[in-house]
Amino acid sequence: MRMIDLKTTADGLHVKVCVQPRSSRNQITGAYRGALKLKITSPPVDGAANKACIRFLAKRLGIAPSRIEIVSGHTARTKRLLIRAGAAEVSKIEQNIRSCLPV
């Protein structure tokens, strides 16, 4: 299994993602260069793909979208997300991310 760049901090969990906008459907396709690869239907116009990325990932992880923030890469395909979580919840979220990966 390929590895995803996940880092635990005092704020929560930092996740590297690679977003492919204008896809035919929203999906997680696996790991790509240390990032979680997401295909998103929204175009990369006026932040639509960023918002769709956050909504989709929040739904897949079962958390509120307000707990996910784009820390870097707002206009790039590769982004670093912060998932705000307490220390007890970080391992559960990390496990949920890994379970989303295709085998």
PDB file of N, CA and C in Angstrom:
ATOM      1  N   MET A   1       0.839  -1.186   0.000  1.00  0.00           N
ATOM      2  CA  MET A   1       0.000   0.000   0.000  1.00  0.00           C
ATOM      3  C   MET A   1       0.879   1.243   0.000  1.00  0.00           C
ATOM      4  N   ARG A   2       0.511   2.217  -0.807  1.00  0.00           N
ATOM      5  CA  ARG A   2       1.266   3.459  -0.861  1.00  0.00           C
ATOM      6  C   ARG A   2       0.980   4.292   0.379  1.00  0.00           C
ATOM      7  N   MET A   3       1.935   5.114   0.738  1.00  0.00           N
ATOM      8  CA  MET A   3       1.812   5.921   1.951  1.00  0.00           C
ATOM      9  C   MET A   3       1.273   7.312   1.632  1.00  0.00           C
ATOM     10  N   ILE A   4       0.547   7.841   2.584  1.00  0.00           N
ATOM     11  CA  ILE A   4       0.009   9.199   2.492  1.00  0.00           C
ATOM     12  C   ILE A   4       0.692  10.033   3.559  1.00  0.00           C
ATOM     13  N   ASP A   5       1.018  11.275   3.230  1.00  0.00           N
ATOM     14  CA  ASP A   5       1.684  12.186   4.140  1.00  0.00           C
ATOM     15  C   ASP A   5       0.678  12.720   5.161  1.00  0.00           C
ATOM     16  N   LEU A   6       0.678  12.129   6.356  1.00  0.00           N
ATOM     17  CA  LEU A   6      -0.187  12.557   7.453  1.00  0.00           C
ATOM     18  C   LEU A   6       0.702  13.009   8.610  1.00  0.00           C
ATOM     19  N   LYS A   7       0.412  14.177   9.175  1.00  0.00           N
ATOM     20  CA  LYS A   7       1.197  14.675  10.301  1.00  0.00           C
ATOM     21  C   LYS A   7       0.267  15.133  11.408  1.00  0.00           C
ATOM     22  N   THR A   8       0.525  14.644  12.602  1.00  0.00           N
ATOM     23  CA  THR A   8      -0.262  15.028  13.766  1.00  0.00           C
ATOM     24  C   THR A   8       0.389  16.237  14.434  1.00  0.00           C
ATOM     25  N   THR A   9      -0.420  17.251  14.737  1.00  0.00           N
ATOM     26  CA  THR A   9       0.052  18.434  15.447  1.00  0.00           C
ATOM     27  C   THR A   9      -0.903  18.700  16.615  1.00  0.00           C
ATOM     28  N   ALA A  10      -0.630  19.751  17.354  1.00  0.00           N
ATOM     29  CA  ALA A  10      -1.497  20.123  18.472  1.00  0.00           C
ATOM     30  C   ALA A  10      -2.887  20.534  17.978  1.00  0.00           C
ATOM     31  N   ASP A  11      -2.974  21.047  16.732  1.00  0.00           N
ATOM     32  CA  ASP A  11      -4.256  21.488  16.172  1.00  0.00           C
ATOM     33  C   ASP A  11      -5.092  20.347  15.628  1.00  0.00           C
ATOM     34  N   GLY A  12      -4.443  19.264  15.239  1.00  0.00           N
ATOM     35  CA  GLY A  12      -5.171  18.152  14.631  1.00  0.00           C
ATOM     36  C   GLY A  12      -4.288  17.379  13.678  1.00  0.00           C
ATOM     37  N   LEU A  13      -4.825  17.051  12.525  1.00  0.00           N
ATOM     38  CA  LEU A  13      -4.135  16.208  11.555  1.00  0.00           C
ATOM     39  C   LEU A  13      -3.947  16.963  10.244  1.00  0.00           C
ATOM     40  N   HIS A  14      -2.705  17.037   9.764  1.00  0.00           N
ATOM     41  CA  HIS A  14      -2.397  17.649   8.478  1.00  0.00           C
ATOM     42  C   HIS A  14      -2.348  16.548   7.436  1.00  0.00           C
ATOM     43  N   VAL A  15      -3.070  16.756   6.327  1.00  0.00           N
ATOM     44  CA  VAL A  15      -3.170  15.769   5.259  1.00  0.00           C
ATOM     45  C   VAL A  15      -2.799  16.444   3.942  1.00  0.00           C
ATOM     46  N   LYS A  16      -1.923  15.789   3.190  1.00  0.00           N
ATOM     47  CA  LYS A  16      -1.570  16.273   1.861  1.00  0.00           C
ATOM     48  C   LYS A  16      -2.553  15.640   0.879  1.00  0.00           C
ATOM     49  N   VAL A  17      -3.196  16.465   0.034  1.00  0.00           N
ATOM     50  CA  VAL A  17      -4.140  15.960  -0.961  1.00  0.00           C
ATOM     51  C   VAL A  17      -3.781  16.488  -2.341  1.00  0.00           C
ATOM     52  N   CYS A  18      -4.083  15.704  -3.341  1.00  0.00           N
ATOM     53  CA  CYS A  18      -3.929  16.100  -4.736  1.00  0.00           C
ATOM     54  C   CYS A  18      -5.325  16.081  -5.339  1.00  0.00           C
ATOM     55  N   VAL A  19      -5.798  17.231  -5.800  1.00  0.00           N
ATOM     56  CA  VAL A  19      -7.167  17.366  -6.280  1.00  0.00           C
ATOM     57  C   VAL A  19      -7.181  17.452  -7.810  1.00  0.00           C
ATOM     58  N   GLN A  20      -8.014  16.627  -8.417  1.00  0.00           N
ATOM     59  CA  GLN A  20      -8.228  16.687  -9.860  1.00  0.00           C
ATOM     60  C   GLN A  20      -9.648  17.208 -10.093  1.00  0.00           C
ATOM     61  N   PRO A  21      -9.780  18.486 -10.488  1.00  0.00           N
ATOM     62  CA  PRO A  21     -11.110  19.055 -10.710  1.00  0.00           C
ATOM     63  C   PRO A  21     -11.717  18.592 -12.027  1.00  0.00           C
ATOM     64  N   ARG A  22     -12.990  18.904 -12.200  1.00  0.00           N
ATOM     65  CA  ARG A  22     -13.749  18.580 -13.416  1.00  0.00           C
ATOM     66  C   ARG A  22     -13.754  17.089 -13.734  1.00  0.00           C
ATOM     67  N   SER A  23     -13.877  16.287 -12.731  1.00  0.00           N
ATOM     68  CA  SER A  23     -13.967  14.844 -12.924  1.00  0.00           C
ATOM     69  C   SER A  23     -15.424  14.465 -13.169  1.00  0.00           C
ATOM     70  N   SER A  24     -15.651  13.241 -13.601  1.00  0.00           N
ATOM     71  CA  SER A  24     -17.023  12.802 -13.861  1.00  0.00           C
ATOM     72  C   SER A  24     -17.784  12.524 -12.568  1.00  0.00           C
ATOM     73  N   ARG A  25     -17.047  12.240 -11.482  1.00  0.00           N
ATOM     74  CA  ARG A  25     -17.694  12.040 -10.179  1.00  0.00           C
ATOM     75  C   ARG A  25     -16.699  12.296  -9.063  1.00  0.00           C
ATOM     76  N   ASN A  26     -17.221  12.558  -7.867  1.00  0.00           N
ATOM     77  CA  ASN A  26     -16.370  12.755  -6.696  1.00  0.00           C
ATOM     78  C   ASN A  26     -15.924  11.392  -6.183  1.00  0.00           C
ATOM     79  N   GLN A  27     -14.611  11.238  -6.013  1.00  0.00           N
ATOM     80  CA  GLN A  27     -14.113   9.966  -5.497  1.00  0.00           C
ATOM     81  C   GLN A  27     -12.681  10.100  -4.994  1.00  0.00           C
ATOM     82  N   ILE A  28     -12.303   9.165  -4.138  1.00  0.00           N
ATOM     83  CA  ILE A  28     -10.921   9.030  -3.702  1.00  0.00           C
ATOM     84  C   ILE A  28     -10.329   7.920  -4.548  1.00  0.00           C
ATOM     85  N   THR A  29      -9.239   8.229  -5.252  1.00  0.00           N
ATOM     86  CA  THR A  29      -8.674   7.237  -6.165  1.00  0.00           C
ATOM     87  C   THR A  29      -7.449   6.538  -5.607  1.00  0.00           C
ATOM     88  N   GLY A  30      -6.909   7.018  -4.489  1.00  0.00           N
ATOM     89  CA  GLY A  30      -5.760   6.357  -3.878  1.00  0.00           C
ATOM     90  C   GLY A  30      -4.704   7.349  -3.443  1.00  0.00           C
ATOM     91  N   ALA A  31      -3.472   6.834  -3.351  1.00  0.00           N
ATOM     92  CA  ALA A  31      -2.338   7.656  -2.963  1.00  0.00           C
ATOM     93  C   ALA A  31      -1.572   8.058  -4.216  1.00  0.00           C
ATOM     94  N   TYR A  32      -1.074   9.295  -4.232  1.00  0.00           N
ATOM     95  CA  TYR A  32      -0.316   9.803  -5.367  1.00  0.00           C
ATOM     96  C   TYR A  32       0.755  10.743  -4.844  1.00  0.00           C
ATOM     97  N   ARG A  33       2.007  10.346  -4.988  1.00  0.00           N
ATOM     98  CA  ARG A  33       3.145  11.145  -4.537  1.00  0.00           C
ATOM     99  C   ARG A  33       3.006  11.591  -3.087  1.00  0.00           C
ATOM    100  N   GLY A  34       2.607  10.683  -2.228  1.00  0.00           N
ATOM    101  CA  GLY A  34       2.475  10.977  -0.803  1.00  0.00           C
ATOM    102  C   GLY A  34       1.211  11.710  -0.424  1.00  0.00           C
ATOM    103  N   ALA A  35       0.316  11.910  -1.399  1.00  0.00           N
ATOM    104  CA  ALA A  35      -0.925  12.642  -1.140  1.00  0.00           C
ATOM    105  C   ALA A  35      -2.132  11.740  -1.351  1.00  0.00           C
ATOM    106  N   LEU A  36      -3.220  12.108  -0.733  1.00  0.00           N
ATOM    107  CA  LEU A  36      -4.496  11.449  -0.961  1.00  0.00           C
ATOM    108  C   LEU A  36      -5.077  12.058  -2.227  1.00  0.00           C
ATOM    109  N   LYS A  37      -5.295  11.251  -3.260  1.00  0.00           N
ATOM    110  CA  LYS A  37      -5.773  11.771  -4.547  1.00  0.00           C
ATOM    111  C   LYS A  37      -7.296  11.793  -4.557  1.00  0.00           C
ATOM    112  N   LEU A  38      -7.847  12.983  -4.827  1.00  0.00           N
ATOM    113  CA  LEU A  38      -9.288  13.183  -4.888  1.00  0.00           C
ATOM    114  C   LEU A  38      -9.679  13.651  -6.285  1.00  0.00           C
ATOM    115  N   LYS A  39     -10.730  13.073  -6.825  1.00  0.00           N
ATOM    116  CA  LYS A  39     -11.326  13.568  -8.055  1.00  0.00           C
ATOM    117  C   LYS A  39     -12.607  14.289  -7.662  1.00  0.00           C
ATOM    118  N   ILE A  40     -12.751  15.525  -8.128  1.00  0.00           N
ATOM    119  CA  ILE A  40     -13.865  16.384  -7.747  1.00  0.00           C
ATOM    120  C   ILE A  40     -14.559  16.872  -9.014  1.00  0.00           C
ATOM    121  N   THR A  41     -15.889  16.902  -9.013  1.00  0.00           N
ATOM    122  CA  THR A  41     -16.645  17.315 -10.198  1.00  0.00           C
ATOM    123  C   THR A  41     -16.598  18.821 -10.448  1.00  0.00           C
ATOM    124  N   SER A  42     -16.406  19.603  -9.424  1.00  0.00           N
ATOM    125  CA  SER A  42     -16.427  21.064  -9.557  1.00  0.00           C
ATOM    126  C   SER A  42     -15.223  21.581 -10.337  1.00  0.00           C
ATOM    127  N   PRO A  43     -15.403  22.692 -11.066  1.00  0.00           N
ATOM    128  CA  PRO A  43     -14.280  23.299 -11.776  1.00  0.00           C
ATOM    129  C   PRO A  43     -13.423  24.132 -10.813  1.00  0.00           C
ATOM    130  N   PRO A  44     -12.173  24.386 -11.184  1.00  0.00           N
ATOM    131  CA  PRO A  44     -11.304  25.189 -10.315  1.00  0.00           C
ATOM    132  C   PRO A  44     -11.525  26.701 -10.519  1.00  0.00           C
ATOM    133  N   VAL A  45     -12.761  27.129 -10.381  1.00  0.00           N
ATOM    134  CA  VAL A  45     -13.122  28.530 -10.606  1.00  0.00           C
ATOM    135  C   VAL A  45     -13.712  29.100  -9.321  1.00  0.00           C
ATOM    136  N   ASP A  46     -13.206  30.242  -8.907  1.00  0.00           N
ATOM    137  CA  ASP A  46     -13.707  30.948  -7.712  1.00  0.00           C
ATOM    138  C   ASP A  46     -13.749  30.064  -6.471  1.00  0.00           C
ATOM    139  N   GLY A  47     -12.808  29.158  -6.339  1.00  0.00           N
ATOM    140  CA  GLY A  47     -12.723  28.314  -5.151  1.00  0.00           C
ATOM    141  C   GLY A  47     -13.747  27.192  -5.084  1.00  0.00           C
ATOM    142  N   ALA A  48     -14.465  26.946  -6.172  1.00  0.00           N
ATOM    143  CA  ALA A  48     -15.504  25.901  -6.165  1.00  0.00           C
ATOM    144  C   ALA A  48     -14.924  24.521  -5.906  1.00  0.00           C
ATOM    145  N   ALA A  49     -13.784  24.214  -6.512  1.00  0.00           N
ATOM    146  CA  ALA A  49     -13.169  22.899  -6.309  1.00  0.00           C
ATOM    147  C   ALA A  49     -12.662  22.756  -4.872  1.00  0.00           C
ATOM    148  N   ASN A  50     -12.157  23.827  -4.286  1.00  0.00           N
ATOM    149  CA  ASN A  50     -11.702  23.776  -2.894  1.00  0.00           C
ATOM    150  C   ASN A  50     -12.865  23.488  -1.952  1.00  0.00           C
ATOM    151  N   LYS A  51     -13.978  24.176  -2.162  1.00  0.00           N
ATOM    152  CA  LYS A  51     -15.155  23.967  -1.316  1.00  0.00           C
ATOM    153  C   LYS A  51     -15.696  22.549  -1.485  1.00  0.00           C
ATOM    154  N   ALA A  52     -15.732  22.073  -2.723  1.00  0.00           N
ATOM    155  CA  ALA A  52     -16.223  20.721  -2.989  1.00  0.00           C
ATOM    156  C   ALA A  52     -15.301  19.680  -2.375  1.00  0.00           C
ATOM    157  N   CYS A  53     -14.012  19.933  -2.420  1.00  0.00           N
ATOM    158  CA  CYS A  53     -13.023  19.033  -1.822  1.00  0.00           C
ATOM    159  C   CYS A  53     -13.271  18.903  -0.319  1.00  0.00           C
ATOM    160  N   ILE A  54     -13.470  20.013   0.343  1.00  0.00           N
ATOM    161  CA  ILE A  54     -13.709  20.007   1.786  1.00  0.00           C
ATOM    162  C   ILE A  54     -15.021  19.296   2.118  1.00  0.00           C
ATOM    163  N   ARG A  55     -16.091  19.614   1.378  1.00  0.00           N
ATOM    164  CA  ARG A  55     -17.389  18.975   1.633  1.00  0.00           C
ATOM    165  C   ARG A  55     -17.312  17.460   1.425  1.00  0.00           C
ATOM    166  N   PHE A  56     -16.682  17.041   0.327  1.00  0.00           N
ATOM    167  CA  PHE A  56     -16.584  15.620   0.008  1.00  0.00           C
ATOM    168  C   PHE A  56     -15.769  14.874   1.066  1.00  0.00           C
ATOM    169  N   LEU A  57     -14.609  15.408   1.423  1.00  0.00           N
ATOM    170  CA  LEU A  57     -13.763  14.741   2.411  1.00  0.00           C
ATOM    171  C   LEU A  57     -14.439  14.692   3.780  1.00  0.00           C
ATOM    172  N   ALA A  58     -15.114  15.767   4.158  1.00  0.00           N
ATOM    173  CA  ALA A  58     -15.821  15.790   5.443  1.00  0.00           C
ATOM    174  C   ALA A  58     -16.908  14.717   5.482  1.00  0.00           C
ATOM    175  N   LYS A  59     -17.639  14.585   4.388  1.00  0.00           N
ATOM    176  CA  LYS A  59     -18.695  13.573   4.327  1.00  0.00           C
ATOM    177  C   LYS A  59     -18.104  12.169   4.428  1.00  0.00           C
ATOM    178  N   ARG A  60     -17.002  11.913   3.703  1.00  0.00           N
ATOM    179  CA  ARG A  60     -16.368  10.594   3.735  1.00  0.00           C
ATOM    180  C   ARG A  60     -15.812  10.250   5.112  1.00  0.00           C
ATOM    181  N   LEU A  61     -15.344  11.283   5.850  1.00  0.00           N
ATOM    182  CA  LEU A  61     -14.759  11.046   7.169  1.00  0.00           C
ATOM    183  C   LEU A  61     -15.787  11.148   8.289  1.00  0.00           C
ATOM    184  N   GLY A  62     -16.987  11.603   7.968  1.00  0.00           N
ATOM    185  CA  GLY A  62     -18.033  11.713   8.977  1.00  0.00           C
ATOM    186  C   GLY A  62     -17.808  12.840   9.968  1.00  0.00           C
ATOM    187  N   ILE A  63     -17.243  13.943   9.485  1.00  0.00           N
ATOM    188  CA  ILE A  63     -17.019  15.106  10.348  1.00  0.00           C
ATOM    189  C   ILE A  63     -17.622  16.344   9.692  1.00  0.00           C
ATOM    190  N   ALA A  64     -17.718  17.423  10.443  1.00  0.00           N
ATOM    191  CA  ALA A  64     -18.275  18.672   9.918  1.00  0.00           C
ATOM    192  C   ALA A  64     -17.274  19.340   8.982  1.00  0.00           C
ATOM    193  N   PRO A  65     -17.747  19.892   7.852  1.00  0.00           N
ATOM    194  CA  PRO A  65     -16.843  20.592   6.934  1.00  0.00           C
ATOM    195  C   PRO A  65     -16.095  21.750   7.588  1.00  0.00           C
ATOM    196  N   SER A  66     -16.680  22.349   8.610  1.00  0.00           N
ATOM    197  CA  SER A  66     -16.033  23.477   9.284  1.00  0.00           C
ATOM    198  C   SER A  66     -14.758  23.066  10.016  1.00  0.00           C
ATOM    199  N   ARG A  67     -14.562  21.762  10.201  1.00  0.00           N
ATOM    200  CA  ARG A  67     -13.357  21.273  10.880  1.00  0.00           C
ATOM    201  C   ARG A  67     -12.187  21.060   9.923  1.00  0.00           C
ATOM    202  N   ILE A  68     -12.420  21.255   8.624  1.00  0.00           N
ATOM    203  CA  ILE A  68     -11.363  21.080   7.629  1.00  0.00           C
ATOM    204  C   ILE A  68     -11.012  22.443   7.042  1.00  0.00           C
ATOM    205  N   GLU A  69      -9.720  22.736   6.998  1.00  0.00           N
ATOM    206  CA  GLU A  69      -9.237  24.017   6.495  1.00  0.00           C
ATOM    207  C   GLU A  69      -8.083  23.776   5.524  1.00  0.00           C
ATOM    208  N   ILE A  70      -8.063  24.505   4.422  1.00  0.00           N
ATOM    209  CA  ILE A  70      -6.935  24.435   3.502  1.00  0.00           C
ATOM    210  C   ILE A  70      -5.850  25.360   4.045  1.00  0.00           C
ATOM    211  N   VAL A  71      -4.719  24.768   4.402  1.00  0.00           N
ATOM    212  CA  VAL A  71      -3.622  25.522   4.990  1.00  0.00           C
ATOM    213  C   VAL A  71      -2.710  26.095   3.902  1.00  0.00           C
ATOM    214  N   SER A  72      -2.467  25.320   2.860  1.00  0.00           N
ATOM    215  CA  SER A  72      -1.638  25.799   1.751  1.00  0.00           C
ATOM    216  C   SER A  72      -2.092  25.155   0.455  1.00  0.00           C
ATOM    217  N   GLY A  73      -1.794  25.831  -0.664  1.00  0.00           N
ATOM    218  CA  GLY A  73      -2.138  25.298  -1.969  1.00  0.00           C
ATOM    219  C   GLY A  73      -3.520  25.685  -2.447  1.00  0.00           C
ATOM    220  N   HIS A  74      -4.003  26.845  -2.067  1.00  0.00           N
ATOM    221  CA  HIS A  74      -5.358  27.275  -2.440  1.00  0.00           C
ATOM    222  C   HIS A  74      -5.584  27.285  -3.945  1.00  0.00           C
ATOM    223  N   THR A  75      -4.559  27.623  -4.716  1.00  0.00           N
ATOM    224  CA  THR A  75      -4.714  27.677  -6.169  1.00  0.00           C
ATOM    225  C   THR A  75      -3.953  26.558  -6.883  1.00  0.00           C
ATOM    226  N   ALA A  76      -3.404  25.630  -6.134  1.00  0.00           N
ATOM    227  CA  ALA A  76      -2.651  24.509  -6.715  1.00  0.00           C
ATOM    228  C   ALA A  76      -3.447  23.216  -6.596  1.00  0.00           C
ATOM    229  N   ARG A  77      -3.067  22.222  -7.371  1.00  0.00           N
ATOM    230  CA  ARG A  77      -3.726  20.918  -7.256  1.00  0.00           C
ATOM    231  C   ARG A  77      -3.329  20.211  -5.973  1.00  0.00           C
ATOM    232  N   THR A  78      -2.078  20.374  -5.556  1.00  0.00           N
ATOM    233  CA  THR A  78      -1.611  19.753  -4.317  1.00  0.00           C
ATOM    234  C   THR A  78      -1.833  20.734  -3.183  1.00  0.00           C
ATOM    235  N   LYS A  79      -2.543  20.281  -2.172  1.00  0.00           N
ATOM    236  CA  LYS A  79      -2.924  21.131  -1.047  1.00  0.00           C
ATOM    237  C   LYS A  79      -2.564  20.451   0.271  1.00  0.00           C
ATOM    238  N   ARG A  80      -2.431  21.227   1.310  1.00  0.00           N
ATOM    239  CA  ARG A  80      -2.263  20.690   2.650  1.00  0.00           C
ATOM    240  C   ARG A  80      -3.490  21.115   3.442  1.00  0.00           C
ATOM    241  N   LEU A  81      -4.197  20.113   3.963  1.00  0.00           N
ATOM    242  CA  LEU A  81      -5.411  20.363   4.735  1.00  0.00           C
ATOM    243  C   LEU A  81      -5.139  20.147   6.211  1.00  0.00           C
ATOM    244  N   LEU A  82      -5.804  20.909   7.043  1.00  0.00           N
ATOM    245  CA  LEU A  82      -5.780  20.703   8.482  1.00  0.00           C
ATOM    246  C   LEU A  82      -7.164  20.220   8.889  1.00  0.00           C
ATOM    247  N   ILE A  83      -7.202  19.049   9.498  1.00  0.00           N
ATOM    248  CA  ILE A  83      -8.446  18.521  10.049  1.00  0.00           C
ATOM    249  C   ILE A  83      -8.360  18.733  11.556  1.00  0.00           C
ATOM    250  N   ARG A  84      -9.152  19.648  12.042  1.00  0.00           N
ATOM    251  CA  ARG A  84      -9.110  19.975  13.472  1.00  0.00           C
ATOM    252  C   ARG A  84      -9.716  18.834  14.288  1.00  0.00           C
ATOM    253  N   ALA A  85      -8.917  18.347  15.233  1.00  0.00           N
ATOM    254  CA  ALA A  85      -9.360  17.232  16.071  1.00  0.00           C
ATOM    255  C   ALA A  85      -8.514  17.189  17.333  1.00  0.00           C
ATOM    256  N   GLY A  86      -9.111  16.660  18.377  1.00  0.00           N
ATOM    257  CA  GLY A  86      -8.388  16.459  19.622  1.00  0.00           C
ATOM    258  C   GLY A  86      -7.484  15.240  19.505  1.00  0.00           C
ATOM    259  N   ALA A  87      -6.585  15.093  20.457  1.00  0.00           N
ATOM    260  CA  ALA A  87      -5.607  13.998  20.421  1.00  0.00           C
ATOM    261  C   ALA A  87      -6.271  12.629  20.367  1.00  0.00           C
ATOM    262  N   ALA A  88      -7.370  12.462  21.062  1.00  0.00           N
ATOM    263  CA  ALA A  88      -8.052  11.167  21.094  1.00  0.00           C
ATOM    264  C   ALA A  88      -8.713  10.837  19.759  1.00  0.00           C
ATOM    265  N   GLU A  89      -9.092  11.846  19.022  1.00  0.00           N
ATOM    266  CA  GLU A  89      -9.827  11.636  17.779  1.00  0.00           C
ATOM    267  C   GLU A  89      -8.915  11.511  16.544  1.00  0.00           C
ATOM    268  N   VAL A  90      -7.680  11.990  16.642  1.00  0.00           N
ATOM    269  CA  VAL A  90      -6.769  11.999  15.495  1.00  0.00           C
ATOM    270  C   VAL A  90      -6.542  10.598  14.935  1.00  0.00           C
ATOM    271  N   SER A  91      -6.306   9.627  15.799  1.00  0.00           N
ATOM    272  CA  SER A  91      -6.035   8.270  15.310  1.00  0.00           C
ATOM    273  C   SER A  91      -7.251   7.680  14.605  1.00  0.00           C
ATOM    274  N   LYS A  92      -8.450   8.006  15.064  1.00  0.00           N
ATOM    275  CA  LYS A  92      -9.668   7.517  14.413  1.00  0.00           C
ATOM    276  C   LYS A  92      -9.801   8.128  13.011  1.00  0.00           C
ATOM    277  N   ILE A  93      -9.537   9.418  12.881  1.00  0.00           N
ATOM    278  CA  ILE A  93      -9.616  10.085  11.588  1.00  0.00           C
ATOM    279  C   ILE A  93      -8.547   9.542  10.645  1.00  0.00           C
ATOM    280  N   GLU A  94      -7.340   9.344  11.171  1.00  0.00           N
ATOM    281  CA  GLU A  94      -6.258   8.781  10.358  1.00  0.00           C
ATOM    282  C   GLU A  94      -6.644   7.392   9.845  1.00  0.00           C
ATOM    283  N   GLN A  95      -7.240   6.595  10.693  1.00  0.00           N
ATOM    284  CA  GLN A  95      -7.687   5.261  10.296  1.00  0.00           C
ATOM    285  C   GLN A  95      -8.802   5.356   9.236  1.00  0.00           C
ATOM    286  N   ASN A  96      -9.716   6.307   9.379  1.00  0.00           N
ATOM    287  CA  ASN A  96     -10.772   6.509   8.381  1.00  0.00           C
ATOM    288  C   ASN A  96     -10.189   6.906   7.030  1.00  0.00           C
ATOM    289  N   ILE A  97      -9.167   7.750   7.037  1.00  0.00           N
ATOM    290  CA  ILE A  97      -8.518   8.160   5.784  1.00  0.00           C
ATOM    291  C   ILE A  97      -7.905   6.950   5.104  1.00  0.00           C
ATOM    292  N   ARG A  98      -7.177   6.150   5.867  1.00  0.00           N
ATOM    293  CA  ARG A  98      -6.537   4.967   5.285  1.00  0.00           C
ATOM    294  C   ARG A  98      -7.565   3.948   4.798  1.00  0.00           C
ATOM    295  N   SER A  99      -8.712   3.865   5.441  1.00  0.00           N
ATOM    296  CA  SER A  99      -9.737   2.921   5.011  1.00  0.00           C
ATOM    297  C   SER A  99     -10.438   3.376   3.724  1.00  0.00           C
ATOM    298  N   CYS A 100     -10.333   4.659   3.384  1.00  0.00           N
ATOM    299  CA  CYS A 100     -10.924   5.169   2.138  1.00  0.00           C
ATOM    300  C   CYS A 100     -10.105   4.778   0.911  1.00  0.00           C
ATOM    301  N   LEU A 101      -8.865   4.368   1.132  1.00  0.00           N
ATOM    302  CA  LEU A 101      -7.983   4.043   0.004  1.00  0.00           C
ATOM    303  C   LEU A 101      -8.380   2.723  -0.647  1.00  0.00           C
ATOM    304  N   PRO A 102      -8.383   2.704  -1.965  1.00  0.00           N
ATOM    305  CA  PRO A 102      -8.619   1.429  -2.644  1.00  0.00           C
ATOM    306  C   PRO A 102      -7.454   0.484  -2.386  1.00  0.00           C
ATOM    307  N   VAL A 103      -7.735  -0.794  -2.374  1.00  0.00           N
ATOM    308  CA  VAL A 103      -6.695  -1.790  -2.079  1.00  0.00           C
ATOM    309  C   VAL A 103      -5.780  -2.001  -3.244  1.00  0.00           C
TER     310      VAL A 103
END
